[in-house]
Amino acid sequence: MSLKRLFTEHPDAVGESYFEHMGVALSFAWPLLGAGLAALVHAFLPFLCVTTASKTVKQLYARMTNRTPRPVQQGANDRMLAWDPVI
C-alpha cells in the first residue's frame, strides 16, 4: 500500500479530501477532549460537571448519525454515496 493511499483511502471513501476529513475529525476531537476533561473533574469533584460529558457525547452522537449522503464526483458513470461533512 502506498503512503499516499494510507492518508487518502478513508477520506475518499466518505467523499472528503484529506483536509476536509481532518476538519470534520477535529470538529469531533475538540468537544470529546473537553468532555473527557469534564469527566475527569467530575470523578474527583462529583458536584461539578454533572452532565457535561454525557451531554457532549449525546450531541456528537446525533451529529454523527444524522450526516446526510452526497454524491462523490469520480466519473460520469461512477457515482457513489459519501457523507456530507457539513451538518
PDB file of N, CA and C in Angstrom:
ATOM      1  N   MET A   1       0.852  -1.177   0.000  1.00  0.00           N
ATOM      2  CA  MET A   1       0.000   0.000   0.000  1.00  0.00           C
ATOM      3  C   MET A   1       0.897   1.238   0.000  1.00  0.00           C
ATOM      4  N   SER A   2       0.573   2.179  -0.888  1.00  0.00           N
ATOM      5  CA  SER A   2       1.396   3.378  -0.990  1.00  0.00           C
ATOM      6  C   SER A   2       1.146   4.309   0.194  1.00  0.00           C
ATOM      7  N   LEU A   3       2.102   5.146   0.460  1.00  0.00           N
ATOM      8  CA  LEU A   3       1.994   6.101   1.557  1.00  0.00           C
ATOM      9  C   LEU A   3       0.832   7.058   1.322  1.00  0.00           C
ATOM     10  N   LYS A   4       0.664   7.529   0.079  1.00  0.00           N
ATOM     11  CA  LYS A   4      -0.445   8.434  -0.225  1.00  0.00           C
ATOM     12  C   LYS A   4      -1.786   7.756   0.050  1.00  0.00           C
ATOM     13  N   ARG A   5      -1.900   6.508  -0.329  1.00  0.00           N
ATOM     14  CA  ARG A   5      -3.154   5.787  -0.134  1.00  0.00           C
ATOM     15  C   ARG A   5      -3.496   5.637   1.356  1.00  0.00           C
ATOM     16  N   LEU A   6      -2.489   5.486   2.204  1.00  0.00           N
ATOM     17  CA  LEU A   6      -2.726   5.408   3.646  1.00  0.00           C
ATOM     18  C   LEU A   6      -3.450   6.650   4.162  1.00  0.00           C
ATOM     19  N   PHE A   7      -3.128   7.797   3.577  1.00  0.00           N
ATOM     20  CA  PHE A   7      -3.704   9.062   4.025  1.00  0.00           C
ATOM     21  C   PHE A   7      -4.995   9.439   3.305  1.00  0.00           C
ATOM     22  N   THR A   8      -5.279   8.824   2.159  1.00  0.00           N
ATOM     23  CA  THR A   8      -6.437   9.252   1.375  1.00  0.00           C
ATOM     24  C   THR A   8      -7.536   8.211   1.214  1.00  0.00           C
ATOM     25  N   GLU A   9      -7.261   6.952   1.487  1.00  0.00           N
ATOM     26  CA  GLU A   9      -8.252   5.900   1.247  1.00  0.00           C
ATOM     27  C   GLU A   9      -9.543   6.128   2.041  1.00  0.00           C
ATOM     28  N   HIS A  10      -9.430   6.344   3.345  1.00  0.00           N
ATOM     29  CA  HIS A  10     -10.641   6.546   4.151  1.00  0.00           C
ATOM     30  C   HIS A  10     -11.332   7.867   3.830  1.00  0.00           C
ATOM     31  N   PRO A  11     -10.628   9.003   3.762  1.00  0.00           N
ATOM     32  CA  PRO A  11     -11.333  10.233   3.378  1.00  0.00           C
ATOM     33  C   PRO A  11     -12.035  10.119   2.021  1.00  0.00           C
ATOM     34  N   ASP A  12     -11.395   9.482   1.046  1.00  0.00           N
ATOM     35  CA  ASP A  12     -12.032   9.272  -0.258  1.00  0.00           C
ATOM     36  C   ASP A  12     -13.295   8.438  -0.111  1.00  0.00           C
ATOM     37  N   ALA A  13     -13.266   7.436   0.746  1.00  0.00           N
ATOM     38  CA  ALA A  13     -14.408   6.540   0.925  1.00  0.00           C
ATOM     39  C   ALA A  13     -15.630   7.257   1.484  1.00  0.00           C
ATOM     40  N   VAL A  14     -15.425   8.349   2.196  1.00  0.00           N
ATOM     41  CA  VAL A  14     -16.548   9.107   2.754  1.00  0.00           C
ATOM     42  C   VAL A  14     -16.772  10.414   1.998  1.00  0.00           C
ATOM     43  N   GLY A  15     -16.144  10.550   0.823  1.00  0.00           N
ATOM     44  CA  GLY A  15     -16.401  11.692  -0.037  1.00  0.00           C
ATOM     45  C   GLY A  15     -15.754  12.985   0.410  1.00  0.00           C
ATOM     46  N   GLU A  16     -14.628  12.901   1.083  1.00  0.00           N
ATOM     47  CA  GLU A  16     -13.941  14.095   1.578  1.00  0.00           C
ATOM     48  C   GLU A  16     -12.492  14.085   1.113  1.00  0.00           C
ATOM     49  N   SER A  17     -11.923  15.277   1.010  1.00  0.00           N
ATOM     50  CA  SER A  17     -10.491  15.372   0.789  1.00  0.00           C
ATOM     51  C   SER A  17      -9.798  15.108   2.128  1.00  0.00           C
ATOM     52  N   TYR A  18      -8.497  14.993   2.076  1.00  0.00           N
ATOM     53  CA  TYR A  18      -7.731  14.784   3.314  1.00  0.00           C
ATOM     54  C   TYR A  18      -7.999  15.919   4.306  1.00  0.00           C
ATOM     55  N   PHE A  19      -7.957  17.167   3.824  1.00  0.00           N
ATOM     56  CA  PHE A  19      -8.133  18.306   4.728  1.00  0.00           C
ATOM     57  C   PHE A  19      -9.582  18.490   5.177  1.00  0.00           C
ATOM     58  N   GLU A  20     -10.548  18.158   4.317  1.00  0.00           N
ATOM     59  CA  GLU A  20     -11.947  18.184   4.753  1.00  0.00           C
ATOM     60  C   GLU A  20     -12.157  17.167   5.870  1.00  0.00           C
ATOM     61  N   HIS A  21     -11.599  15.975   5.679  1.00  0.00           N
ATOM     62  CA  HIS A  21     -11.742  14.927   6.688  1.00  0.00           C
ATOM     63  C   HIS A  21     -11.058  15.332   7.993  1.00  0.00           C
ATOM     64  N   MET A  22      -9.911  15.983   7.867  1.00  0.00           N
ATOM     65  CA  MET A  22      -9.213  16.459   9.056  1.00  0.00           C
ATOM     66  C   MET A  22     -10.100  17.449   9.821  1.00  0.00           C
ATOM     67  N   GLY A  23     -10.739  18.350   9.102  1.00  0.00           N
ATOM     68  CA  GLY A  23     -11.616  19.332   9.745  1.00  0.00           C
ATOM     69  C   GLY A  23     -12.780  18.687  10.469  1.00  0.00           C
ATOM     70  N   VAL A  24     -13.407  17.706   9.816  1.00  0.00           N
ATOM     71  CA  VAL A  24     -14.532  17.006  10.448  1.00  0.00           C
ATOM     72  C   VAL A  24     -14.056  16.251  11.688  1.00  0.00           C
ATOM     73  N   ALA A  25     -12.942  15.548  11.555  1.00  0.00           N
ATOM     74  CA  ALA A  25     -12.409  14.783  12.688  1.00  0.00           C
ATOM     75  C   ALA A  25     -12.064  15.713  13.854  1.00  0.00           C
ATOM     76  N   LEU A  26     -11.457  16.853  13.554  1.00  0.00           N
ATOM     77  CA  LEU A  26     -11.125  17.805  14.628  1.00  0.00           C
ATOM     78  C   LEU A  26     -12.380  18.416  15.240  1.00  0.00           C
ATOM     79  N   SER A  27     -13.439  18.562  14.442  1.00  0.00           N
ATOM     80  CA  SER A  27     -14.681  19.111  14.994  1.00  0.00           C
ATOM     81  C   SER A  27     -15.325  18.142  15.988  1.00  0.00           C
ATOM     82  N   PHE A  28     -14.933  16.880  15.934  1.00  0.00           N
ATOM     83  CA  PHE A  28     -15.355  15.905  16.936  1.00  0.00           C
ATOM     84  C   PHE A  28     -14.323  15.800  18.057  1.00  0.00           C
ATOM     85  N   ALA A  29     -13.057  15.936  17.726  1.00  0.00           N
ATOM     86  CA  ALA A  29     -11.985  15.744  18.705  1.00  0.00           C
ATOM     87  C   ALA A  29     -12.017  16.789  19.817  1.00  0.00           C
ATOM     88  N   TRP A  30     -12.198  18.060  19.450  1.00  0.00           N
ATOM     89  CA  TRP A  30     -12.157  19.109  20.485  1.00  0.00           C
ATOM     90  C   TRP A  30     -13.282  18.962  21.507  1.00  0.00           C
ATOM     91  N   PRO A  31     -14.533  18.767  21.088  1.00  0.00           N
ATOM     92  CA  PRO A  31     -15.577  18.546  22.098  1.00  0.00           C
ATOM     93  C   PRO A  31     -15.344  17.274  22.915  1.00  0.00           C
ATOM     94  N   LEU A  32     -14.819  16.221  22.281  1.00  0.00           N
ATOM     95  CA  LEU A  32     -14.533  14.996  23.035  1.00  0.00           C
ATOM     96  C   LEU A  32     -13.442  15.218  24.068  1.00  0.00           C
ATOM     97  N   LEU A  33     -12.439  16.013  23.704  1.00  0.00           N
ATOM     98  CA  LEU A  33     -11.386  16.343  24.661  1.00  0.00           C
ATOM     99  C   LEU A  33     -11.973  17.104  25.846  1.00  0.00           C
ATOM    100  N   GLY A  34     -12.834  18.065  25.562  1.00  0.00           N
ATOM    101  CA  GLY A  34     -13.497  18.815  26.634  1.00  0.00           C
ATOM    102  C   GLY A  34     -14.357  17.918  27.509  1.00  0.00           C
ATOM    103  N   ALA A  35     -15.079  16.988  26.878  1.00  0.00           N
ATOM    104  CA  ALA A  35     -15.924  16.057  27.637  1.00  0.00           C
ATOM    105  C   ALA A  35     -15.069  15.166  28.529  1.00  0.00           C
ATOM    106  N   GLY A  36     -13.932  14.730  28.014  1.00  0.00           N
ATOM    107  CA  GLY A  36     -13.031  13.900  28.822  1.00  0.00           C
ATOM    108  C   GLY A  36     -12.496  14.657  30.026  1.00  0.00           C
ATOM    109  N   LEU A  37     -12.132  15.913  29.812  1.00  0.00           N
ATOM    110  CA  LEU A  37     -11.654  16.726  30.937  1.00  0.00           C
ATOM    111  C   LEU A  37     -12.770  16.971  31.948  1.00  0.00           C
ATOM    112  N   ALA A  38     -13.994  17.204  31.459  1.00  0.00           N
ATOM    113  CA  ALA A  38     -15.131  17.385  32.367  1.00  0.00           C
ATOM    114  C   ALA A  38     -15.383  16.115  33.175  1.00  0.00           C
ATOM    115  N   ALA A  39     -15.262  14.953  32.546  1.00  0.00           N
ATOM    116  CA  ALA A  39     -15.448  13.685  33.260  1.00  0.00           C
ATOM    117  C   ALA A  39     -14.356  13.482  34.301  1.00  0.00           C
ATOM    118  N   LEU A  40     -13.140  13.914  33.981  1.00  0.00           N
ATOM    119  CA  LEU A  40     -12.041  13.822  34.946  1.00  0.00           C
ATOM    120  C   LEU A  40     -12.308  14.715  36.159  1.00  0.00           C
ATOM    121  N   VAL A  41     -12.742  15.931  35.916  1.00  0.00           N
ATOM    122  CA  VAL A  41     -13.096  16.840  37.014  1.00  0.00           C
ATOM    123  C   VAL A  41     -14.227  16.225  37.836  1.00  0.00           C
ATOM    124  N   HIS A  42     -15.241  15.706  37.153  1.00  0.00           N
ATOM    125  CA  HIS A  42     -16.396  15.117  37.827  1.00  0.00           C
ATOM    126  C   HIS A  42     -16.003  13.913  38.687  1.00  0.00           C
ATOM    127  N   ALA A  43     -15.006  13.172  38.248  1.00  0.00           N
ATOM    128  CA  ALA A  43     -14.566  11.998  39.013  1.00  0.00           C
ATOM    129  C   ALA A  43     -14.077  12.393  40.399  1.00  0.00           C
ATOM    130  N   PHE A  44     -13.394  13.527  40.502  1.00  0.00           N
ATOM    131  CA  PHE A  44     -12.849  13.969  41.789  1.00  0.00           C
ATOM    132  C   PHE A  44     -13.781  14.917  42.530  1.00  0.00           C
ATOM    133  N   LEU A  45     -14.554  15.670  41.777  1.00  0.00           N
ATOM    134  CA  LEU A  45     -15.485  16.634  42.371  1.00  0.00           C
ATOM    135  C   LEU A  45     -16.874  16.382  41.782  1.00  0.00           C
ATOM    136  N   PRO A  46     -17.601  15.378  42.294  1.00  0.00           N
ATOM    137  CA  PRO A  46     -18.838  14.923  41.666  1.00  0.00           C
ATOM    138  C   PRO A  46     -19.952  15.961  41.606  1.00  0.00           C
ATOM    139  N   PHE A  47     -19.804  17.064  42.296  1.00  0.00           N
ATOM    140  CA  PHE A  47     -20.813  18.122  42.254  1.00  0.00           C
ATOM    141  C   PHE A  47     -20.562  19.083  41.081  1.00  0.00           C
ATOM    142  N   LEU A  48     -19.437  18.923  40.376  1.00  0.00           N
ATOM    143  CA  LEU A  48     -19.120  19.744  39.204  1.00  0.00           C
ATOM    144  C   LEU A  48     -19.280  18.929  37.916  1.00  0.00           C
ATOM    145  N   CYS A  49     -19.587  19.596  36.856  1.00  0.00           N
ATOM    146  CA  CYS A  49     -19.690  18.968  35.519  1.00  0.00           C
ATOM    147  C   CYS A  49     -20.576  17.729  35.537  1.00  0.00           C
ATOM    148  N   VAL A  50     -21.720  17.851  36.176  1.00  0.00           N
ATOM    149  CA  VAL A  50     -22.596  16.695  36.388  1.00  0.00           C
ATOM    150  C   VAL A  50     -23.096  16.101  35.067  1.00  0.00           C
ATOM    151  N   THR A  51     -23.442  16.924  34.105  1.00  0.00           N
ATOM    152  CA  THR A  51     -23.984  16.406  32.841  1.00  0.00           C
ATOM    153  C   THR A  51     -23.145  16.801  31.620  1.00  0.00           C
ATOM    154  N   THR A  52     -22.041  17.460  31.823  1.00  0.00           N
ATOM    155  CA  THR A  52     -21.249  17.984  30.706  1.00  0.00           C
ATOM    156  C   THR A  52     -20.793  16.898  29.744  1.00  0.00           C
ATOM    157  N   ALA A  53     -20.169  15.862  30.244  1.00  0.00           N
ATOM    158  CA  ALA A  53     -19.629  14.807  29.373  1.00  0.00           C
ATOM    159  C   ALA A  53     -20.750  14.068  28.642  1.00  0.00           C
ATOM    160  N   SER A  54     -21.784  13.670  29.361  1.00  0.00           N
ATOM    161  CA  SER A  54     -22.863  12.908  28.724  1.00  0.00           C
ATOM    162  C   SER A  54     -23.608  13.763  27.706  1.00  0.00           C
ATOM    163  N   LYS A  55     -23.808  15.033  27.994  1.00  0.00           N
ATOM    164  CA  LYS A  55     -24.483  15.935  27.050  1.00  0.00           C
ATOM    165  C   LYS A  55     -23.657  16.083  25.766  1.00  0.00           C
ATOM    166  N   THR A  56     -22.354  16.228  25.905  1.00  0.00           N
ATOM    167  CA  THR A  56     -21.470  16.359  24.741  1.00  0.00           C
ATOM    168  C   THR A  56     -21.487  15.101  23.897  1.00  0.00           C
ATOM    169  N   VAL A  57     -21.388  13.952  24.540  1.00  0.00           N
ATOM    170  CA  VAL A  57     -21.392  12.677  23.803  1.00  0.00           C
ATOM    171  C   VAL A  57     -22.716  12.497  23.062  1.00  0.00           C
ATOM    172  N   LYS A  58     -23.830  12.833  23.687  1.00  0.00           N
ATOM    173  CA  LYS A  58     -25.138  12.713  23.027  1.00  0.00           C
ATOM    174  C   LYS A  58     -25.226  13.635  21.816  1.00  0.00           C
ATOM    175  N   GLN A  59     -24.725  14.872  21.940  1.00  0.00           N
ATOM    176  CA  GLN A  59     -24.750  15.813  20.819  1.00  0.00           C
ATOM    177  C   GLN A  59     -23.882  15.311  19.661  1.00  0.00           C
ATOM    178  N   LEU A  60     -22.698  14.807  19.988  1.00  0.00           N
ATOM    179  CA  LEU A  60     -21.809  14.304  18.939  1.00  0.00           C
ATOM    180  C   LEU A  60     -22.374  13.046  18.281  1.00  0.00           C
ATOM    181  N   TYR A  61     -23.009  12.197  19.061  1.00  0.00           N
ATOM    182  CA  TYR A  61     -23.648  11.005  18.504  1.00  0.00           C
ATOM    183  C   TYR A  61     -24.739  11.416  17.511  1.00  0.00           C
ATOM    184  N   ALA A  62     -25.540  12.415  17.883  1.00  0.00           N
ATOM    185  CA  ALA A  62     -26.597  12.895  16.997  1.00  0.00           C
ATOM    186  C   ALA A  62     -26.004  13.461  15.711  1.00  0.00           C
ATOM    187  N   ARG A  63     -24.924  14.209  15.815  1.00  0.00           N
ATOM    188  CA  ARG A  63     -24.249  14.738  14.624  1.00  0.00           C
ATOM    189  C   ARG A  63     -23.761  13.612  13.723  1.00  0.00           C
ATOM    190  N   MET A  64     -23.131  12.612  14.322  1.00  0.00           N
ATOM    191  CA  MET A  64     -22.546  11.523  13.548  1.00  0.00           C
ATOM    192  C   MET A  64     -23.625  10.699  12.841  1.00  0.00           C
ATOM    193  N   THR A  65     -24.698  10.405  13.524  1.00  0.00           N
ATOM    194  CA  THR A  65     -25.721   9.527  12.948  1.00  0.00           C
ATOM    195  C   THR A  65     -26.675  10.260  12.018  1.00  0.00           C
ATOM    196  N   ASN A  66     -26.687  11.580  12.028  1.00  0.00           N
ATOM    197  CA  ASN A  66     -27.583  12.347  11.160  1.00  0.00           C
ATOM    198  C   ASN A  66     -26.882  12.957   9.955  1.00  0.00           C
ATOM    199  N   ARG A  67     -25.672  12.529   9.678  1.00  0.00           N
ATOM    200  CA  ARG A  67     -24.968  13.037   8.495  1.00  0.00           C
ATOM    201  C   ARG A  67     -25.694  12.546   7.248  1.00  0.00           C
ATOM    202  N   THR A  68     -25.780  13.389   6.230  1.00  0.00           N
ATOM    203  CA  THR A  68     -26.529  13.041   5.030  1.00  0.00           C
ATOM    204  C   THR A  68     -25.596  12.662   3.887  1.00  0.00           C
ATOM    205  N   PRO A  69     -25.981  11.648   3.096  1.00  0.00           N
ATOM    206  CA  PRO A  69     -25.128  11.239   1.980  1.00  0.00           C
ATOM    207  C   PRO A  69     -25.129  12.279   0.864  1.00  0.00           C
ATOM    208  N   ARG A  70     -24.025  12.391   0.182  1.00  0.00           N
ATOM    209  CA  ARG A  70     -23.919  13.249  -1.001  1.00  0.00           C
ATOM    210  C   ARG A  70     -23.118  12.501  -2.054  1.00  0.00           C
ATOM    211  N   PRO A  71     -23.367  12.756  -3.344  1.00  0.00           N
ATOM    212  CA  PRO A  71     -22.622  12.046  -4.382  1.00  0.00           C
ATOM    213  C   PRO A  71     -21.168  12.491  -4.431  1.00  0.00           C
ATOM    214  N   VAL A  72     -20.301  11.553  -4.709  1.00  0.00           N
ATOM    215  CA  VAL A  72     -18.881  11.831  -4.875  1.00  0.00           C
ATOM    216  C   VAL A  72     -18.620  12.009  -6.359  1.00  0.00           C
ATOM    217  N   GLN A  73     -17.918  13.066  -6.729  1.00  0.00           N
ATOM    218  CA  GLN A  73     -17.595  13.317  -8.136  1.00  0.00           C
ATOM    219  C   GLN A  73     -16.380  12.486  -8.519  1.00  0.00           C
ATOM    220  N   GLN A  74     -16.607  11.320  -9.149  1.00  0.00           N
ATOM    221  CA  GLN A  74     -15.487  10.490  -9.581  1.00  0.00           C
ATOM    222  C   GLN A  74     -15.442  10.423 -11.095  1.00  0.00           C
ATOM    223  N   GLY A  75     -16.482   9.931 -11.695  1.00  0.00           N
ATOM    224  CA  GLY A  75     -16.559   9.832 -13.140  1.00  0.00           C
ATOM    225  C   GLY A  75     -17.999  10.045 -13.551  1.00  0.00           C
ATOM    226  N   ALA A  76     -18.241  10.206 -14.824  1.00  0.00           N
ATOM    227  CA  ALA A  76     -19.597  10.479 -15.293  1.00  0.00           C
ATOM    228  C   ALA A  76     -20.560   9.341 -14.944  1.00  0.00           C
ATOM    229  N   ASN A  77     -20.099   8.106 -15.050  1.00  0.00           N
ATOM    230  CA  ASN A  77     -20.967   6.957 -14.793  1.00  0.00           C
ATOM    231  C   ASN A  77     -20.703   6.309 -13.445  1.00  0.00           C
ATOM    232  N   ASP A  78     -19.737   6.798 -12.725  1.00  0.00           N
ATOM    233  CA  ASP A  78     -19.323   6.159 -11.470  1.00  0.00           C
ATOM    234  C   ASP A  78     -19.681   7.052 -10.291  1.00  0.00           C
ATOM    235  N   ARG A  79     -20.899   6.908  -9.781  1.00  0.00           N
ATOM    236  CA  ARG A  79     -21.346   7.730  -8.652  1.00  0.00           C
ATOM    237  C   ARG A  79     -21.549   6.828  -7.442  1.00  0.00           C
ATOM    238  N   MET A  80     -21.061   7.275  -6.317  1.00  0.00           N
ATOM    239  CA  MET A  80     -21.284   6.564  -5.070  1.00  0.00           C
ATOM    240  C   MET A  80     -21.721   7.565  -4.017  1.00  0.00           C
ATOM    241  N   LEU A  81     -22.315   7.100  -2.948  1.00  0.00           N
ATOM    242  CA  LEU A  81     -22.723   7.995  -1.885  1.00  0.00           C
ATOM    243  C   LEU A  81     -21.587   8.191  -0.900  1.00  0.00           C
ATOM    244  N   ALA A  82     -21.478   9.394  -0.394  1.00  0.00           N
ATOM    245  CA  ALA A  82     -20.498   9.713   0.634  1.00  0.00           C
ATOM    246  C   ALA A  82     -21.222  10.483   1.709  1.00  0.00           C
ATOM    247  N   TRP A  83     -20.536  10.823   2.757  1.00  0.00           N
ATOM    248  CA  TRP A  83     -21.167  11.535   3.868  1.00  0.00           C
ATOM    249  C   TRP A  83     -20.807  12.992   3.816  1.00  0.00           C
ATOM    250  N   ASP A  84     -21.826  13.826   3.983  1.00  0.00           N
ATOM    251  CA  ASP A  84     -21.653  15.271   3.926  1.00  0.00           C
ATOM    252  C   ASP A  84     -20.999  15.742   5.223  1.00  0.00           C
ATOM    253  N   PRO A  85     -19.837  16.396   5.137  1.00  0.00           N
ATOM    254  CA  PRO A  85     -19.162  16.840   6.355  1.00  0.00           C
ATOM    255  C   PRO A  85     -19.852  18.008   7.036  1.00  0.00           C
ATOM    256  N   VAL A  86     -20.768  18.670   6.348  1.00  0.00           N
ATOM    257  CA  VAL A  86     -21.462  19.830   6.928  1.00  0.00           C
ATOM    258  C   VAL A  86     -22.763  19.357   7.539  1.00  0.00           C
ATOM    259  N   ILE A  87     -22.960  19.700   8.803  1.00  0.00           N
ATOM    260  CA  ILE A  87     -24.166  19.255   9.495  1.00  0.00           C
ATOM    261  C   ILE A  87     -24.992  20.449   9.900  1.00  0.00           C
TER     262      ILE A  87
END
